[in-house]
C-alpha cells in the first residue's frame, strides 16, 4: 500500500500520528514524517488515520481501492 500526505494541506493536528504511530510521527510541533510505503499489516491504521484527518490531507493507494482518493470518514 502506498500513501501520500499533502503537506500543503496538513495543519499538524496529529490525528494520524495518534492513530497510526508506526507510520506517522511528528518531528517537533509541526513537521510530519511518514513512511510512503506501508505493509498490509498497517492497513487499518492507515485507513483510520486518513479518515480522521480533519483536512483530508492523506491519500491512500491500496489493493481494493479503485484509485488514489482522499479517504473520507
N, C-alpha and C. Protein backbone atom coordinates (compact mmCIF):
# COMPACT_ATOMS: atom_id res chain seq x y z
N UNK A 1 0.85 -1.16 0.00
CA UNK A 1 0.00 0.00 0.00
C UNK A 1 0.90 1.23 0.00
N UNK A 2 0.49 2.22 -0.79
CA UNK A 2 1.24 3.48 -0.84
C UNK A 2 0.37 4.59 -0.28
N UNK A 3 1.01 5.58 0.28
CA UNK A 3 0.26 6.74 0.74
C UNK A 3 1.08 8.00 0.50
N UNK A 4 0.34 9.08 0.38
CA UNK A 4 0.93 10.40 0.19
C UNK A 4 0.20 11.36 1.12
N UNK A 5 0.96 12.21 1.78
CA UNK A 5 0.36 13.26 2.59
C UNK A 5 0.61 14.59 1.88
N UNK A 6 -0.46 15.30 1.62
CA UNK A 6 -0.35 16.63 1.02
C UNK A 6 0.11 17.58 2.13
N UNK A 7 1.39 17.85 2.17
CA UNK A 7 1.95 18.65 3.25
C UNK A 7 1.55 20.12 3.17
N UNK A 8 1.03 20.54 2.03
CA UNK A 8 0.48 21.89 1.93
C UNK A 8 -0.87 21.98 2.62
N UNK A 9 -1.61 20.89 2.66
CA UNK A 9 -2.91 20.86 3.35
C UNK A 9 -2.76 20.54 4.83
N UNK A 10 -1.78 19.71 5.17
CA UNK A 10 -1.60 19.25 6.55
C UNK A 10 -1.44 20.46 7.48
N UNK A 11 -2.20 20.45 8.57
CA UNK A 11 -2.15 21.54 9.54
C UNK A 11 -1.52 21.09 10.87
N UNK A 12 -1.03 19.86 10.93
CA UNK A 12 -0.35 19.39 12.13
C UNK A 12 -1.28 19.01 13.27
N UNK A 13 -2.52 18.62 12.97
CA UNK A 13 -3.44 18.21 14.03
C UNK A 13 -3.00 16.91 14.70
N UNK A 14 -2.20 16.11 14.01
CA UNK A 14 -1.58 14.88 14.54
C UNK A 14 -2.55 13.75 14.81
N UNK A 15 -3.73 13.78 14.25
CA UNK A 15 -4.64 12.64 14.40
C UNK A 15 -4.04 11.40 13.77
N UNK A 16 -3.33 11.56 12.68
CA UNK A 16 -2.68 10.42 12.02
C UNK A 16 -1.62 9.81 12.91
N UNK A 17 -0.82 10.64 13.57
CA UNK A 17 0.23 10.12 14.46
C UNK A 17 -0.35 9.40 15.66
N UNK A 18 -1.52 9.83 16.12
CA UNK A 18 -2.18 9.18 17.24
C UNK A 18 -2.74 7.82 16.80
N UNK A 19 -3.35 7.76 15.62
CA UNK A 19 -4.00 6.52 15.16
C UNK A 19 -3.04 5.57 14.45
N UNK A 20 -1.97 6.09 13.89
CA UNK A 20 -1.02 5.24 13.17
C UNK A 20 0.41 5.55 13.55
N UNK A 21 0.77 5.35 14.81
CA UNK A 21 2.11 5.76 15.27
C UNK A 21 3.26 5.01 14.60
N UNK A 22 2.98 3.85 14.01
CA UNK A 22 4.03 3.11 13.32
C UNK A 22 4.30 3.66 11.92
N UNK A 23 3.41 4.51 11.43
CA UNK A 23 3.52 5.04 10.08
C UNK A 23 3.77 6.55 10.09
N UNK A 24 3.08 7.27 10.97
CA UNK A 24 3.15 8.73 11.03
C UNK A 24 3.78 9.19 12.34
N UNK A 25 4.59 10.23 12.28
CA UNK A 25 5.13 10.81 13.51
C UNK A 25 5.44 12.28 13.28
N UNK A 26 5.30 13.04 14.33
CA UNK A 26 5.62 14.46 14.25
C UNK A 26 7.06 14.68 14.65
N UNK A 27 7.71 15.56 13.92
CA UNK A 27 9.06 15.98 14.25
C UNK A 27 8.93 17.43 14.70
N UNK A 28 9.12 17.66 15.98
CA UNK A 28 8.84 18.98 16.53
C UNK A 28 7.34 19.13 16.70
N UNK A 29 6.83 20.31 16.56
CA UNK A 29 5.41 20.54 16.76
C UNK A 29 4.61 20.53 15.48
N UNK A 30 5.26 20.66 14.32
CA UNK A 30 4.50 20.78 13.09
C UNK A 30 4.95 19.91 11.93
N UNK A 31 6.18 19.46 11.88
CA UNK A 31 6.68 18.71 10.73
C UNK A 31 6.26 17.24 10.83
N UNK A 32 5.55 16.77 9.82
CA UNK A 32 5.08 15.39 9.79
C UNK A 32 6.05 14.53 9.00
N UNK A 33 6.44 13.42 9.59
CA UNK A 33 7.24 12.41 8.91
C UNK A 33 6.36 11.19 8.73
N UNK A 34 6.48 10.51 7.58
CA UNK A 34 5.67 9.31 7.35
C UNK A 34 6.39 8.40 6.38
N UNK A 35 6.01 7.14 6.42
CA UNK A 35 6.55 6.12 5.52
C UNK A 35 5.60 6.02 4.34
N UNK A 36 6.04 6.32 3.11
CA UNK A 36 5.13 6.30 1.97
C UNK A 36 4.73 4.90 1.50
N UNK A 37 5.48 3.88 1.89
CA UNK A 37 5.13 2.50 1.54
C UNK A 37 4.82 1.77 2.84
N UNK A 38 3.59 1.27 2.93
CA UNK A 38 3.10 0.69 4.18
C UNK A 38 2.73 -0.76 3.95
N UNK A 39 3.08 -1.61 4.90
CA UNK A 39 2.75 -3.04 4.79
C UNK A 39 1.26 -3.26 5.00
N UNK A 40 0.77 -4.39 4.52
CA UNK A 40 -0.65 -4.73 4.64
C UNK A 40 -1.08 -4.82 6.10
N UNK A 41 -0.17 -5.15 7.00
CA UNK A 41 -0.50 -5.25 8.42
C UNK A 41 -0.90 -3.90 9.01
N UNK A 42 -0.49 -2.83 8.39
CA UNK A 42 -0.78 -1.48 8.88
C UNK A 42 -1.99 -0.86 8.17
N UNK A 43 -2.66 -1.62 7.32
CA UNK A 43 -3.77 -1.09 6.51
C UNK A 43 -4.84 -0.40 7.37
N UNK A 44 -5.29 -1.06 8.42
CA UNK A 44 -6.36 -0.48 9.25
C UNK A 44 -5.91 0.82 9.92
N UNK A 45 -4.66 0.86 10.38
CA UNK A 45 -4.12 2.08 10.98
C UNK A 45 -4.12 3.23 9.98
N UNK A 46 -3.65 2.94 8.77
CA UNK A 46 -3.55 3.98 7.75
C UNK A 46 -4.93 4.47 7.33
N UNK A 47 -5.88 3.57 7.13
CA UNK A 47 -7.22 3.98 6.73
C UNK A 47 -7.92 4.77 7.84
N UNK A 48 -7.71 4.36 9.09
CA UNK A 48 -8.29 5.11 10.21
C UNK A 48 -7.67 6.50 10.31
N UNK A 49 -6.36 6.58 10.12
CA UNK A 49 -5.67 7.88 10.17
C UNK A 49 -6.15 8.79 9.04
N UNK A 50 -6.29 8.23 7.85
CA UNK A 50 -6.75 9.03 6.71
C UNK A 50 -8.18 9.53 6.94
N UNK A 51 -9.02 8.68 7.49
CA UNK A 51 -10.41 9.07 7.75
C UNK A 51 -10.49 10.14 8.83
N UNK A 52 -9.57 10.11 9.78
CA UNK A 52 -9.60 11.05 10.90
C UNK A 52 -8.97 12.40 10.58
N UNK A 53 -8.26 12.50 9.47
CA UNK A 53 -7.58 13.75 9.13
C UNK A 53 -8.62 14.85 8.89
N UNK A 54 -8.62 15.91 9.70
CA UNK A 54 -9.63 16.96 9.56
C UNK A 54 -9.56 17.73 8.25
N UNK A 55 -8.40 17.74 7.61
CA UNK A 55 -8.26 18.46 6.34
C UNK A 55 -8.10 17.52 5.15
N UNK A 56 -8.28 16.23 5.39
CA UNK A 56 -8.21 15.18 4.36
C UNK A 56 -6.94 15.30 3.52
N UNK A 57 -5.80 15.36 4.21
CA UNK A 57 -4.52 15.51 3.55
C UNK A 57 -3.86 14.19 3.19
N UNK A 58 -4.43 13.06 3.63
CA UNK A 58 -3.81 11.75 3.41
C UNK A 58 -4.48 11.05 2.25
N UNK A 59 -3.68 10.69 1.24
CA UNK A 59 -4.17 9.95 0.08
C UNK A 59 -3.63 8.53 0.16
N UNK A 60 -4.50 7.54 -0.07
CA UNK A 60 -4.12 6.13 0.06
C UNK A 60 -4.35 5.42 -1.25
N UNK A 61 -3.37 4.63 -1.68
CA UNK A 61 -3.49 3.77 -2.85
C UNK A 61 -3.22 2.35 -2.37
N UNK A 62 -4.27 1.54 -2.37
CA UNK A 62 -4.13 0.18 -1.84
C UNK A 62 -4.95 -0.77 -2.69
N UNK A 63 -4.57 -2.05 -2.71
CA UNK A 63 -5.41 -3.04 -3.39
C UNK A 63 -6.82 -2.99 -2.82
N UNK A 64 -7.80 -3.00 -3.69
CA UNK A 64 -9.18 -2.93 -3.24
C UNK A 64 -9.76 -1.53 -3.34
N UNK A 65 -8.90 -0.52 -3.47
CA UNK A 65 -9.37 0.84 -3.70
C UNK A 65 -9.23 1.12 -5.19
N UNK A 66 -10.20 1.78 -5.78
CA UNK A 66 -10.22 1.98 -7.23
C UNK A 66 -9.15 2.92 -7.72
N UNK A 67 -8.84 3.96 -6.97
CA UNK A 67 -7.83 4.94 -7.37
C UNK A 67 -7.36 5.68 -6.14
N UNK A 68 -6.33 6.50 -6.31
CA UNK A 68 -5.84 7.29 -5.18
C UNK A 68 -6.86 8.37 -4.89
N UNK A 69 -7.49 8.29 -3.74
CA UNK A 69 -8.53 9.23 -3.33
C UNK A 69 -8.34 9.57 -1.88
N UNK A 70 -8.77 10.77 -1.47
CA UNK A 70 -8.80 11.04 -0.04
C UNK A 70 -9.81 10.09 0.60
N UNK A 71 -9.47 9.55 1.72
CA UNK A 71 -10.38 8.66 2.43
C UNK A 71 -11.26 9.52 3.31
N UNK A 72 -12.55 9.43 3.13
CA UNK A 72 -13.49 10.24 3.88
C UNK A 72 -14.16 9.37 4.92
N UNK A 73 -14.14 9.81 6.17
CA UNK A 73 -14.72 9.02 7.27
C UNK A 73 -16.11 9.40 7.60
